[in-house]
Amino acid sequence: MISQTQKALRTLVDLRIEVAMGRLKENPHYLEICENQAATEVKIREVFQDAENYFENQSIRDGLEFNEIYIQGLKDGIHFLKFLGVVNREEDL
């Protein structure tokens, strides 16, 4: 009996919600707010996508810079070893 009552009440509440939402869909102010939110959501998604692209490119840029600095350090180290006479020929490397 209780489950029957609960089902009936749920059905009644669902119907009342549908009636209320139906009235809102005829309200110009409500519809304007919904349209503005939809447009804003598109803009926000674009901003998030731009931010994601920015940080992805920043990671790539940092990696390239790190690699170049590392290679420059290796070259400088080799030149320093040559200067000290530790390495005399290119073939030693």
C-alpha atoms as a PDB file:
ATOM      1  CA  MET A   1       0.000   0.000   0.000  1.00  0.00           C
ATOM      2  CA  ILE A   2       2.794   2.391   0.867  1.00  0.00           C
ATOM      3  CA  SER A   3       4.587   1.792  -2.425  1.00  0.00           C
ATOM      4  CA  GLN A   4       1.329   2.460  -4.305  1.00  0.00           C
ATOM      5  CA  THR A   5       0.920   5.729  -2.418  1.00  0.00           C
ATOM      6  CA  GLN A   6       4.531   6.692  -3.105  1.00  0.00           C
ATOM      7  CA  LYS A   7       4.116   5.996  -6.821  1.00  0.00           C
ATOM      8  CA  ALA A   8       0.938   8.047  -6.946  1.00  0.00           C
ATOM      9  CA  LEU A   9       2.589  10.950  -5.134  1.00  0.00           C
ATOM     10  CA  ARG A  10       5.634  10.815  -7.407  1.00  0.00           C
ATOM     11  CA  THR A  11       3.389  10.861 -10.451  1.00  0.00           C
ATOM     12  CA  LEU A  12       1.471  13.828  -9.055  1.00  0.00           C
ATOM     13  CA  VAL A  13       4.659  15.738  -8.251  1.00  0.00           C
ATOM     14  CA  ASP A  14       6.090  14.992 -11.715  1.00  0.00           C
ATOM     15  CA  LEU A  15       2.916  16.284 -13.351  1.00  0.00           C
ATOM     16  CA  ARG A  16       2.973  19.465 -11.265  1.00  0.00           C
ATOM     17  CA  ILE A  17       6.620  20.024 -12.206  1.00  0.00           C
ATOM     18  CA  GLU A  18       5.727  19.625 -15.877  1.00  0.00           C
ATOM     19  CA  VAL A  19       2.942  22.211 -15.500  1.00  0.00           C
ATOM     20  CA  ALA A  20       5.320  24.678 -13.832  1.00  0.00           C
ATOM     21  CA  MET A  21       8.005  24.143 -16.488  1.00  0.00           C
ATOM     22  CA  GLY A  22       5.393  24.587 -19.206  1.00  0.00           C
ATOM     23  CA  ARG A  23       4.541  28.013 -17.785  1.00  0.00           C
ATOM     24  CA  LEU A  24       8.221  28.936 -17.687  1.00  0.00           C
ATOM     25  CA  LYS A  25       8.643  28.055 -21.351  1.00  0.00           C
ATOM     26  CA  GLU A  26       6.089  30.749 -22.137  1.00  0.00           C
ATOM     27  CA  ASN A  27       7.885  33.362 -20.011  1.00  0.00           C
ATOM     28  CA  PRO A  28       9.984  35.684 -22.253  1.00  0.00           C
ATOM     29  CA  HIS A  29      12.286  36.698 -19.394  1.00  0.00           C
ATOM     30  CA  TYR A  30      13.046  33.043 -18.598  1.00  0.00           C
ATOM     31  CA  LEU A  31      13.666  32.268 -22.275  1.00  0.00           C
ATOM     32  CA  GLU A  32      16.008  35.266 -22.585  1.00  0.00           C
ATOM     33  CA  ILE A  33      18.006  34.078 -19.576  1.00  0.00           C
ATOM     34  CA  CYS A  34      18.254  30.581 -21.066  1.00  0.00           C
ATOM     35  CA  GLU A  35      19.501  31.976 -24.389  1.00  0.00           C
ATOM     36  CA  ASN A  36      22.074  34.176 -22.642  1.00  0.00           C
ATOM     37  CA  GLN A  37      23.319  31.239 -20.615  1.00  0.00           C
ATOM     38  CA  ALA A  38      23.651  29.100 -23.732  1.00  0.00           C
ATOM     39  CA  ALA A  39      25.665  31.828 -25.477  1.00  0.00           C
ATOM     40  CA  THR A  40      27.829  32.330 -22.392  1.00  0.00           C
ATOM     41  CA  GLU A  41      28.431  28.587 -22.130  1.00  0.00           C
ATOM     42  CA  VAL A  42      29.791  28.549 -25.685  1.00  0.00           C
ATOM     43  CA  LYS A  43      32.145  31.429 -24.854  1.00  0.00           C
ATOM     44  CA  ILE A  44      33.303  29.717 -21.668  1.00  0.00           C
ATOM     45  CA  ARG A  45      34.021  26.483 -23.531  1.00  0.00           C
ATOM     46  CA  GLU A  46      36.074  28.466 -26.067  1.00  0.00           C
ATOM     47  CA  VAL A  47      38.056  30.124 -23.266  1.00  0.00           C
ATOM     48  CA  PHE A  48      38.732  26.748 -21.633  1.00  0.00           C
ATOM     49  CA  GLN A  49      39.839  25.323 -24.988  1.00  0.00           C
ATOM     50  CA  ASP A  50      42.152  28.304 -25.532  1.00  0.00           C
ATOM     51  CA  ALA A  51      43.603  27.832 -22.042  1.00  0.00           C
ATOM     52  CA  GLU A  52      44.127  24.120 -22.659  1.00  0.00           C
ATOM     53  CA  ASN A  53      45.909  24.875 -25.950  1.00  0.00           C
ATOM     54  CA  TYR A  54      48.016  27.542 -24.250  1.00  0.00           C
ATOM     55  CA  PHE A  55      49.223  25.220 -21.498  1.00  0.00           C
ATOM     56  CA  GLU A  56      49.849  22.368 -23.924  1.00  0.00           C
ATOM     57  CA  ASN A  57      51.944  24.659 -26.128  1.00  0.00           C
ATOM     58  CA  GLN A  58      53.707  26.043 -23.051  1.00  0.00           C
ATOM     59  CA  SER A  59      54.729  22.499 -22.075  1.00  0.00           C
ATOM     60  CA  ILE A  60      56.075  21.848 -25.573  1.00  0.00           C
ATOM     61  CA  ARG A  61      57.921  25.175 -25.528  1.00  0.00           C
ATOM     62  CA  ASP A  62      59.465  24.444 -22.116  1.00  0.00           C
ATOM     63  CA  GLY A  63      60.610  21.025 -23.356  1.00  0.00           C
ATOM     64  CA  LEU A  64      62.243  22.503 -26.453  1.00  0.00           C
ATOM     65  CA  GLU A  65      63.976  25.198 -24.391  1.00  0.00           C
ATOM     66  CA  PHE A  66      65.212  22.622 -21.878  1.00  0.00           C
ATOM     67  CA  ASN A  67      66.588  20.415 -24.672  1.00  0.00           C
ATOM     68  CA  GLU A  68      68.440  23.318 -26.291  1.00  0.00           C
ATOM     69  CA  ILE A  69      69.916  24.420 -22.965  1.00  0.00           C
ATOM     70  CA  TYR A  70      70.981  20.834 -22.228  1.00  0.00           C
ATOM     71  CA  ILE A  71      72.634  20.461 -25.649  1.00  0.00           C
ATOM     72  CA  GLN A  72      74.391  23.797 -25.204  1.00  0.00           C
ATOM     73  CA  GLY A  73      75.692  22.617 -21.832  1.00  0.00           C
ATOM     74  CA  LEU A  74      77.030  19.416 -23.421  1.00  0.00           C
ATOM     75  CA  LYS A  75      78.778  21.402 -26.156  1.00  0.00           C
ATOM     76  CA  ASP A  76      80.278  23.802 -23.629  1.00  0.00           C
ATOM     77  CA  GLY A  77      81.450  20.862 -21.507  1.00  0.00           C
ATOM     78  CA  ILE A  78      83.167  19.265 -24.513  1.00  0.00           C
ATOM     79  CA  HIS A  79      84.872  22.546 -25.403  1.00  0.00           C
ATOM     80  CA  PHE A  80      86.005  22.927 -21.794  1.00  0.00           C
ATOM     81  CA  LEU A  81      87.436  19.383 -21.756  1.00  0.00           C
ATOM     82  CA  LYS A  82      89.275  20.153 -25.014  1.00  0.00           C
ATOM     83  CA  PHE A  83      90.619  23.344 -23.477  1.00  0.00           C
ATOM     84  CA  LEU A  84      91.944  21.381 -20.489  1.00  0.00           C
ATOM     85  CA  GLY A  85      93.494  18.838 -22.807  1.00  0.00           C
ATOM     86  CA  VAL A  86      91.423  15.948 -21.485  1.00  0.00           C
ATOM     87  CA  VAL A  87      90.011  15.380 -24.946  1.00  0.00           C
ATOM     88  CA  ASN A  88      92.380  15.953 -27.838  1.00  0.00           C
ATOM     89  CA  ARG A  89      90.450  14.639 -30.798  1.00  0.00           C
ATOM     90  CA  GLU A  90      86.860  14.515 -31.961  1.00  0.00           C
ATOM     91  CA  GLU A  91      87.153  10.699 -32.218  1.00  0.00           C
ATOM     92  CA  ASP A  92      87.669  10.425 -28.436  1.00  0.00           C
ATOM     93  CA  LEU A  93      84.066  11.446 -27.996  1.00  0.00           C
END
